[in-house]
Amino acid sequence: MTVFEVILLVVSVLLIAIVLLQSNKATDGSGIITGGNQELFQNMKERGFELFISRFTLVLGILFFVISLALFLI
């Protein structure tokens, strides 16, 4: 296993864990179809820990993409 593969494995596990930690924006899947969740598409600001989780998810996603692309090209 190369260093890139180990880093990709660690980033993958962290990405899965951080996505599971994010708050649920929709209360129910059927509420989206029937229109039951009125505040689903409202512009709500993330603050504190929720903002950190959101930005960390973005960074991990970009890292995952870049490392995967680097492994493909090597």
PDB file of N, CA and C in Angstrom:
ATOM      1  N   MET A   1       0.830  -1.180   0.000  1.00  0.00           N
ATOM      2  CA  MET A   1       0.000   0.000   0.000  1.00  0.00           C
ATOM      3  C   MET A   1       0.877   1.246   0.000  1.00  0.00           C
ATOM      4  N   THR A   2       0.571   2.164  -0.887  1.00  0.00           N
ATOM      5  CA  THR A   2       1.347   3.398  -0.950  1.00  0.00           C
ATOM      6  C   THR A   2       0.812   4.408   0.059  1.00  0.00           C
ATOM      7  N   VAL A   3       1.537   5.488   0.202  1.00  0.00           N
ATOM      8  CA  VAL A   3       1.144   6.540   1.137  1.00  0.00           C
ATOM      9  C   VAL A   3      -0.183   7.165   0.702  1.00  0.00           C
ATOM     10  N   PHE A   4      -0.358   7.378  -0.605  1.00  0.00           N
ATOM     11  CA  PHE A   4      -1.609   7.960  -1.105  1.00  0.00           C
ATOM     12  C   PHE A   4      -2.813   7.068  -0.797  1.00  0.00           C
ATOM     13  N   GLU A   5      -2.631   5.765  -0.900  1.00  0.00           N
ATOM     14  CA  GLU A   5      -3.737   4.843  -0.615  1.00  0.00           C
ATOM     15  C   GLU A   5      -4.120   4.874   0.860  1.00  0.00           C
ATOM     16  N   VAL A   6      -3.139   4.985   1.735  1.00  0.00           N
ATOM     17  CA  VAL A   6      -3.422   5.063   3.173  1.00  0.00           C
ATOM     18  C   VAL A   6      -4.136   6.375   3.499  1.00  0.00           C
ATOM     19  N   ILE A   7      -3.662   7.468   2.909  1.00  0.00           N
ATOM     20  CA  ILE A   7      -4.309   8.768   3.137  1.00  0.00           C
ATOM     21  C   ILE A   7      -5.736   8.742   2.600  1.00  0.00           C
ATOM     22  N   LEU A   8      -5.936   8.129   1.434  1.00  0.00           N
ATOM     23  CA  LEU A   8      -7.283   8.027   0.859  1.00  0.00           C
ATOM     24  C   LEU A   8      -8.199   7.206   1.761  1.00  0.00           C
ATOM     25  N   LEU A   9      -7.676   6.161   2.348  1.00  0.00           N
ATOM     26  CA  LEU A   9      -8.468   5.342   3.268  1.00  0.00           C
ATOM     27  C   LEU A   9      -8.874   6.132   4.504  1.00  0.00           C
ATOM     28  N   VAL A  10      -7.950   6.883   5.062  1.00  0.00           N
ATOM     29  CA  VAL A  10      -8.246   7.701   6.250  1.00  0.00           C
ATOM     30  C   VAL A  10      -9.258   8.787   5.912  1.00  0.00           C
ATOM     31  N   VAL A  11      -9.075   9.460   4.769  1.00  0.00           N
ATOM     32  CA  VAL A  11     -10.012  10.512   4.358  1.00  0.00           C
ATOM     33  C   VAL A  11     -11.397   9.923   4.105  1.00  0.00           C
ATOM     34  N   SER A  12     -11.458   8.726   3.539  1.00  0.00           N
ATOM     35  CA  SER A  12     -12.752   8.082   3.269  1.00  0.00           C
ATOM     36  C   SER A  12     -13.499   7.785   4.558  1.00  0.00           C
ATOM     37  N   VAL A  13     -12.808   7.249   5.537  1.00  0.00           N
ATOM     38  CA  VAL A  13     -13.452   6.932   6.823  1.00  0.00           C
ATOM     39  C   VAL A  13     -13.900   8.213   7.519  1.00  0.00           C
ATOM     40  N   LEU A  14     -13.054   9.241   7.494  1.00  0.00           N
ATOM     41  CA  LEU A  14     -13.433  10.522   8.100  1.00  0.00           C
ATOM     42  C   LEU A  14     -14.626  11.150   7.388  1.00  0.00           C
ATOM     43  N   LEU A  15     -14.663  11.043   6.072  1.00  0.00           N
ATOM     44  CA  LEU A  15     -15.773  11.605   5.300  1.00  0.00           C
ATOM     45  C   LEU A  15     -17.082  10.909   5.631  1.00  0.00           C
ATOM     46  N   ILE A  16     -17.046   9.602   5.760  1.00  0.00           N
ATOM     47  CA  ILE A  16     -18.254   8.857   6.129  1.00  0.00           C
ATOM     48  C   ILE A  16     -18.724   9.265   7.519  1.00  0.00           C
ATOM     49  N   ALA A  17     -17.796   9.360   8.462  1.00  0.00           N
ATOM     50  CA  ALA A  17     -18.154   9.723   9.840  1.00  0.00           C
ATOM     51  C   ALA A  17     -18.705  11.138   9.920  1.00  0.00           C
ATOM     52  N   ILE A  18     -18.105  12.073   9.206  1.00  0.00           N
ATOM     53  CA  ILE A  18     -18.529  13.465   9.289  1.00  0.00           C
ATOM     54  C   ILE A  18     -19.882  13.677   8.615  1.00  0.00           C
ATOM     55  N   VAL A  19     -20.167  12.922   7.562  1.00  0.00           N
ATOM     56  CA  VAL A  19     -21.483  13.026   6.919  1.00  0.00           C
ATOM     57  C   VAL A  19     -22.560  12.483   7.855  1.00  0.00           C
ATOM     58  N   LEU A  20     -22.246  11.440   8.589  1.00  0.00           N
ATOM     59  CA  LEU A  20     -23.217  10.899   9.535  1.00  0.00           C
ATOM     60  C   LEU A  20     -23.452  11.824  10.716  1.00  0.00           C
ATOM     61  N   LEU A  21     -22.500  12.705  11.019  1.00  0.00           N
ATOM     62  CA  LEU A  21     -22.663  13.643  12.129  1.00  0.00           C
ATOM     63  C   LEU A  21     -23.493  14.870  11.762  1.00  0.00           C
ATOM     64  N   GLN A  22     -23.684  15.108  10.467  1.00  0.00           N
ATOM     65  CA  GLN A  22     -24.427  16.295  10.052  1.00  0.00           C
ATOM     66  C   GLN A  22     -25.882  16.200  10.479  1.00  0.00           C
ATOM     67  N   SER A  23     -26.456  17.374  10.756  1.00  0.00           N
ATOM     68  CA  SER A  23     -27.851  17.407  11.175  1.00  0.00           C
ATOM     69  C   SER A  23     -28.766  17.095  10.004  1.00  0.00           C
ATOM     70  N   ASN A  24     -29.900  16.529  10.317  1.00  0.00           N
ATOM     71  CA  ASN A  24     -30.872  16.142   9.306  1.00  0.00           C
ATOM     72  C   ASN A  24     -31.715  17.351   8.944  1.00  0.00           C
ATOM     73  N   LYS A  25     -31.642  17.780   7.697  1.00  0.00           N
ATOM     74  CA  LYS A  25     -32.398  18.963   7.263  1.00  0.00           C
ATOM     75  C   LYS A  25     -33.869  18.640   6.996  1.00  0.00           C
ATOM     76  N   ALA A  26     -34.159  17.452   6.544  1.00  0.00           N
ATOM     77  CA  ALA A  26     -35.533  17.054   6.262  1.00  0.00           C
ATOM     78  C   ALA A  26     -35.981  16.092   7.358  1.00  0.00           C
ATOM     79  N   THR A  27     -37.171  16.306   7.885  1.00  0.00           N
ATOM     80  CA  THR A  27     -37.644  15.445   8.958  1.00  0.00           C
ATOM     81  C   THR A  27     -38.064  14.082   8.447  1.00  0.00           C
ATOM     82  N   ASP A  28     -38.541  14.032   7.216  1.00  0.00           N
ATOM     83  CA  ASP A  28     -39.028  12.765   6.675  1.00  0.00           C
ATOM     84  C   ASP A  28     -38.951  12.816   5.153  1.00  0.00           C
ATOM     85  N   GLY A  29     -38.651  11.713   4.537  1.00  0.00           N
ATOM     86  CA  GLY A  29     -38.576  11.674   3.081  1.00  0.00           C
ATOM     87  C   GLY A  29     -39.908  11.962   2.422  1.00  0.00           C
ATOM     88  N   SER A  30     -40.996  11.505   3.017  1.00  0.00           N
ATOM     89  CA  SER A  30     -42.307  11.769   2.439  1.00  0.00           C
ATOM     90  C   SER A  30     -42.715  13.227   2.604  1.00  0.00           C
ATOM     91  N   GLY A  31     -42.144  13.910   3.580  1.00  0.00           N
ATOM     92  CA  GLY A  31     -42.447  15.320   3.767  1.00  0.00           C
ATOM     93  C   GLY A  31     -41.935  16.174   2.628  1.00  0.00           C
ATOM     94  N   ILE A  32     -40.880  15.734   1.979  1.00  0.00           N
ATOM     95  CA  ILE A  32     -40.344  16.473   0.841  1.00  0.00           C
ATOM     96  C   ILE A  32     -41.307  16.371  -0.341  1.00  0.00           C
ATOM     97  N   ILE A  33     -41.843  15.183  -0.566  1.00  0.00           N
ATOM     98  CA  ILE A  33     -42.736  14.971  -1.705  1.00  0.00           C
ATOM     99  C   ILE A  33     -44.078  15.676  -1.489  1.00  0.00           C
ATOM    100  N   THR A  34     -44.618  15.565  -0.282  1.00  0.00           N
ATOM    101  CA  THR A  34     -45.929  16.146  -0.010  1.00  0.00           C
ATOM    102  C   THR A  34     -45.871  17.614   0.378  1.00  0.00           C
ATOM    103  N   GLY A  35     -44.662  18.133   0.604  1.00  0.00           N
ATOM    104  CA  GLY A  35     -44.549  19.539   0.989  1.00  0.00           C
ATOM    105  C   GLY A  35     -44.755  19.751   2.466  1.00  0.00           C
ATOM    106  N   GLY A  36     -44.541  18.740   3.262  1.00  0.00           N
ATOM    107  CA  GLY A  36     -44.772  18.844   4.694  1.00  0.00           C
ATOM    108  C   GLY A  36     -43.729  19.646   5.435  1.00  0.00           C
ATOM    109  N   ASN A  37     -42.547  19.770   4.912  1.00  0.00           N
ATOM    110  CA  ASN A  37     -41.492  20.497   5.598  1.00  0.00           C
ATOM    111  C   ASN A  37     -41.312  21.856   4.940  1.00  0.00           C
ATOM    112  N   GLN A  38     -41.921  22.880   5.506  1.00  0.00           N
ATOM    113  CA  GLN A  38     -41.929  24.199   4.896  1.00  0.00           C
ATOM    114  C   GLN A  38     -40.581  24.905   5.000  1.00  0.00           C
ATOM    115  N   GLU A  39     -39.803  24.626   6.025  1.00  0.00           N
ATOM    116  CA  GLU A  39     -38.532  25.322   6.181  1.00  0.00           C
ATOM    117  C   GLU A  39     -37.366  24.585   5.535  1.00  0.00           C
ATOM    118  N   LEU A  40     -37.642  23.620   4.671  1.00  0.00           N
ATOM    119  CA  LEU A  40     -36.582  22.844   4.038  1.00  0.00           C
ATOM    120  C   LEU A  40     -35.711  23.710   3.138  1.00  0.00           C
ATOM    121  N   PHE A  41     -36.313  24.579   2.340  1.00  0.00           N
ATOM    122  CA  PHE A  41     -35.561  25.372   1.390  1.00  0.00           C
ATOM    123  C   PHE A  41     -35.385  26.820   1.838  1.00  0.00           C
ATOM    124  N   GLN A  42     -35.648  27.114   3.088  1.00  0.00           N
ATOM    125  CA  GLN A  42     -35.426  28.460   3.592  1.00  0.00           C
ATOM    126  C   GLN A  42     -33.933  28.690   3.772  1.00  0.00           C
ATOM    127  N   ASN A  43     -33.539  29.934   3.656  1.00  0.00           N
ATOM    128  CA  ASN A  43     -32.134  30.294   3.812  1.00  0.00           C
ATOM    129  C   ASN A  43     -31.834  30.421   5.302  1.00  0.00           C
ATOM    130  N   MET A  44     -31.269  29.356   5.873  1.00  0.00           N
ATOM    131  CA  MET A  44     -30.942  29.355   7.297  1.00  0.00           C
ATOM    132  C   MET A  44     -29.426  29.336   7.444  1.00  0.00           C
ATOM    133  N   LYS A  45     -28.903  30.219   8.298  1.00  0.00           N
ATOM    134  CA  LYS A  45     -27.466  30.290   8.493  1.00  0.00           C
ATOM    135  C   LYS A  45     -27.010  29.194   9.439  1.00  0.00           C
ATOM    136  N   GLU A  46     -25.900  28.568   9.059  1.00  0.00           N
ATOM    137  CA  GLU A  46     -25.285  27.592   9.945  1.00  0.00           C
ATOM    138  C   GLU A  46     -24.379  28.345  10.910  1.00  0.00           C
ATOM    139  N   ARG A  47     -24.348  27.890  12.145  1.00  0.00           N
ATOM    140  CA  ARG A  47     -23.519  28.553  13.141  1.00  0.00           C
ATOM    141  C   ARG A  47     -22.816  27.518  13.995  1.00  0.00           C
ATOM    142  N   GLY A  48     -21.683  27.912  14.505  1.00  0.00           N
ATOM    143  CA  GLY A  48     -20.959  27.099  15.468  1.00  0.00           C
ATOM    144  C   GLY A  48     -20.498  25.761  14.904  1.00  0.00           C
ATOM    145  N   PHE A  49     -20.857  24.700  15.624  1.00  0.00           N
ATOM    146  CA  PHE A  49     -20.409  23.357  15.282  1.00  0.00           C
ATOM    147  C   PHE A  49     -20.967  22.910  13.938  1.00  0.00           C
ATOM    148  N   GLU A  50     -22.185  23.309  13.620  1.00  0.00           N
ATOM    149  CA  GLU A  50     -22.798  22.941  12.346  1.00  0.00           C
ATOM    150  C   GLU A  50     -22.041  23.551  11.160  1.00  0.00           C
ATOM    151  N   LEU A  51     -21.576  24.778  11.314  1.00  0.00           N
ATOM    152  CA  LEU A  51     -20.774  25.428  10.278  1.00  0.00           C
ATOM    153  C   LEU A  51     -19.434  24.721  10.117  1.00  0.00           C
ATOM    154  N   PHE A  52     -18.810  24.344  11.238  1.00  0.00           N
ATOM    155  CA  PHE A  52     -17.541  23.622  11.198  1.00  0.00           C
ATOM    156  C   PHE A  52     -17.702  22.283  10.486  1.00  0.00           C
ATOM    157  N   ILE A  53     -18.757  21.545  10.812  1.00  0.00           N
ATOM    158  CA  ILE A  53     -19.009  20.238  10.192  1.00  0.00           C
ATOM    159  C   ILE A  53     -19.221  20.401   8.689  1.00  0.00           C
ATOM    160  N   SER A  54     -19.958  21.407   8.303  1.00  0.00           N
ATOM    161  CA  SER A  54     -20.234  21.649   6.883  1.00  0.00           C
ATOM    162  C   SER A  54     -18.959  21.970   6.111  1.00  0.00           C
ATOM    163  N   ARG A  55     -18.133  22.838   6.657  1.00  0.00           N
ATOM    164  CA  ARG A  55     -16.886  23.204   5.979  1.00  0.00           C
ATOM    165  C   ARG A  55     -15.897  22.044   5.974  1.00  0.00           C
ATOM    166  N   PHE A  56     -15.840  21.285   7.056  1.00  0.00           N
ATOM    167  CA  PHE A  56     -14.937  20.139   7.136  1.00  0.00           C
ATOM    168  C   PHE A  56     -15.347  19.065   6.125  1.00  0.00           C
ATOM    169  N   THR A  57     -16.655  18.898   5.925  1.00  0.00           N
ATOM    170  CA  THR A  57     -17.148  17.961   4.918  1.00  0.00           C
ATOM    171  C   THR A  57     -16.715  18.397   3.524  1.00  0.00           C
ATOM    172  N   LEU A  58     -16.810  19.687   3.245  1.00  0.00           N
ATOM    173  CA  LEU A  58     -16.383  20.221   1.951  1.00  0.00           C
ATOM    174  C   LEU A  58     -14.893  19.969   1.719  1.00  0.00           C
ATOM    175  N   VAL A  59     -14.078  20.248   2.725  1.00  0.00           N
ATOM    176  CA  VAL A  59     -12.634  20.048   2.607  1.00  0.00           C
ATOM    177  C   VAL A  59     -12.308  18.571   2.397  1.00  0.00           C
ATOM    178  N   LEU A  60     -12.957  17.690   3.155  1.00  0.00           N
ATOM    179  CA  LEU A  60     -12.705  16.254   3.003  1.00  0.00           C
ATOM    180  C   LEU A  60     -13.150  15.753   1.629  1.00  0.00           C
ATOM    181  N   GLY A  61     -14.252  16.272   1.119  1.00  0.00           N
ATOM    182  CA  GLY A  61     -14.726  15.883  -0.202  1.00  0.00           C
ATOM    183  C   GLY A  61     -13.756  16.291  -1.295  1.00  0.00           C
ATOM    184  N   ILE A  62     -13.236  17.502  -1.202  1.00  0.00           N
ATOM    185  CA  ILE A  62     -12.255  17.971  -2.178  1.00  0.00           C
ATOM    186  C   ILE A  62     -10.973  17.155  -2.079  1.00  0.00           C
ATOM    187  N   LEU A  63     -10.529  16.879  -0.848  1.00  0.00           N
ATOM    188  CA  LEU A  63      -9.338  16.057  -0.646  1.00  0.00           C
ATOM    189  C   LEU A  63      -9.516  14.664  -1.233  1.00  0.00           C
ATOM    190  N   PHE A  64     -10.687  14.081  -1.018  1.00  0.00           N
ATOM    191  CA  PHE A  64     -10.978  12.752  -1.551  1.00  0.00           C
ATOM    192  C   PHE A  64     -10.883  12.756  -3.071  1.00  0.00           C
ATOM    193  N   PHE A  65     -11.462  13.766  -3.691  1.00  0.00           N
ATOM    194  CA  PHE A  65     -11.438  13.875  -5.148  1.00  0.00           C
ATOM    195  C   PHE A  65     -10.017  14.038  -5.678  1.00  0.00           C
ATOM    196  N   VAL A  66      -9.236  14.913  -5.055  1.00  0.00           N
ATOM    197  CA  VAL A  66      -7.876  15.187  -5.516  1.00  0.00           C
ATOM    198  C   VAL A  66      -6.985  13.952  -5.348  1.00  0.00           C
ATOM    199  N   ILE A  67      -7.080  13.281  -4.213  1.00  0.00           N
ATOM    200  CA  ILE A  67      -6.248  12.095  -3.978  1.00  0.00           C
ATOM    201  C   ILE A  67      -6.657  10.963  -4.927  1.00  0.00           C
ATOM    202  N   SER A  68      -7.948  10.809  -5.143  1.00  0.00           N
ATOM    203  CA  SER A  68      -8.407   9.769  -6.084  1.00  0.00           C
ATOM    204  C   SER A  68      -7.907  10.051  -7.489  1.00  0.00           C
ATOM    205  N   LEU A  69      -7.957  11.296  -7.909  1.00  0.00           N
ATOM    206  CA  LEU A  69      -7.463  11.684  -9.220  1.00  0.00           C
ATOM    207  C   LEU A  69      -5.948  11.457  -9.324  1.00  0.00           C
ATOM    208  N   ALA A  70      -5.221  11.780  -8.258  1.00  0.00           N
ATOM    209  CA  ALA A  70      -3.771  11.580  -8.249  1.00  0.00           C
ATOM    210  C   ALA A  70      -3.433  10.091  -8.342  1.00  0.00           C
ATOM    211  N   LEU A  71      -4.189   9.258  -7.636  1.00  0.00           N
ATOM    212  CA  LEU A  71      -3.951   7.814  -7.715  1.00  0.00           C
ATOM    213  C   LEU A  71      -4.267   7.267  -9.099  1.00  0.00           C
ATOM    214  N   PHE A  72      -5.259   7.816  -9.747  1.00  0.00           N
ATOM    215  CA  PHE A  72      -5.617   7.386 -11.097  1.00  0.00           C
ATOM    216  C   PHE A  72      -4.532   7.742 -12.107  1.00  0.00           C
ATOM    217  N   LEU A  73      -3.943   8.923 -11.945  1.00  0.00           N
ATOM    218  CA  LEU A  73      -2.951   9.403 -12.895  1.00  0.00           C
ATOM    219  C   LEU A  73      -1.565   8.825 -12.663  1.00  0.00           C
ATOM    220  N   ILE A  74      -1.316   8.304 -11.488  1.00  0.00           N
ATOM    221  CA  ILE A  74       0.024   7.733 -11.187  1.00  0.00           C
ATOM    222  C   ILE A  74       0.169   6.376 -11.823  1.00  0.00           C
TER     223      ILE A  74
END
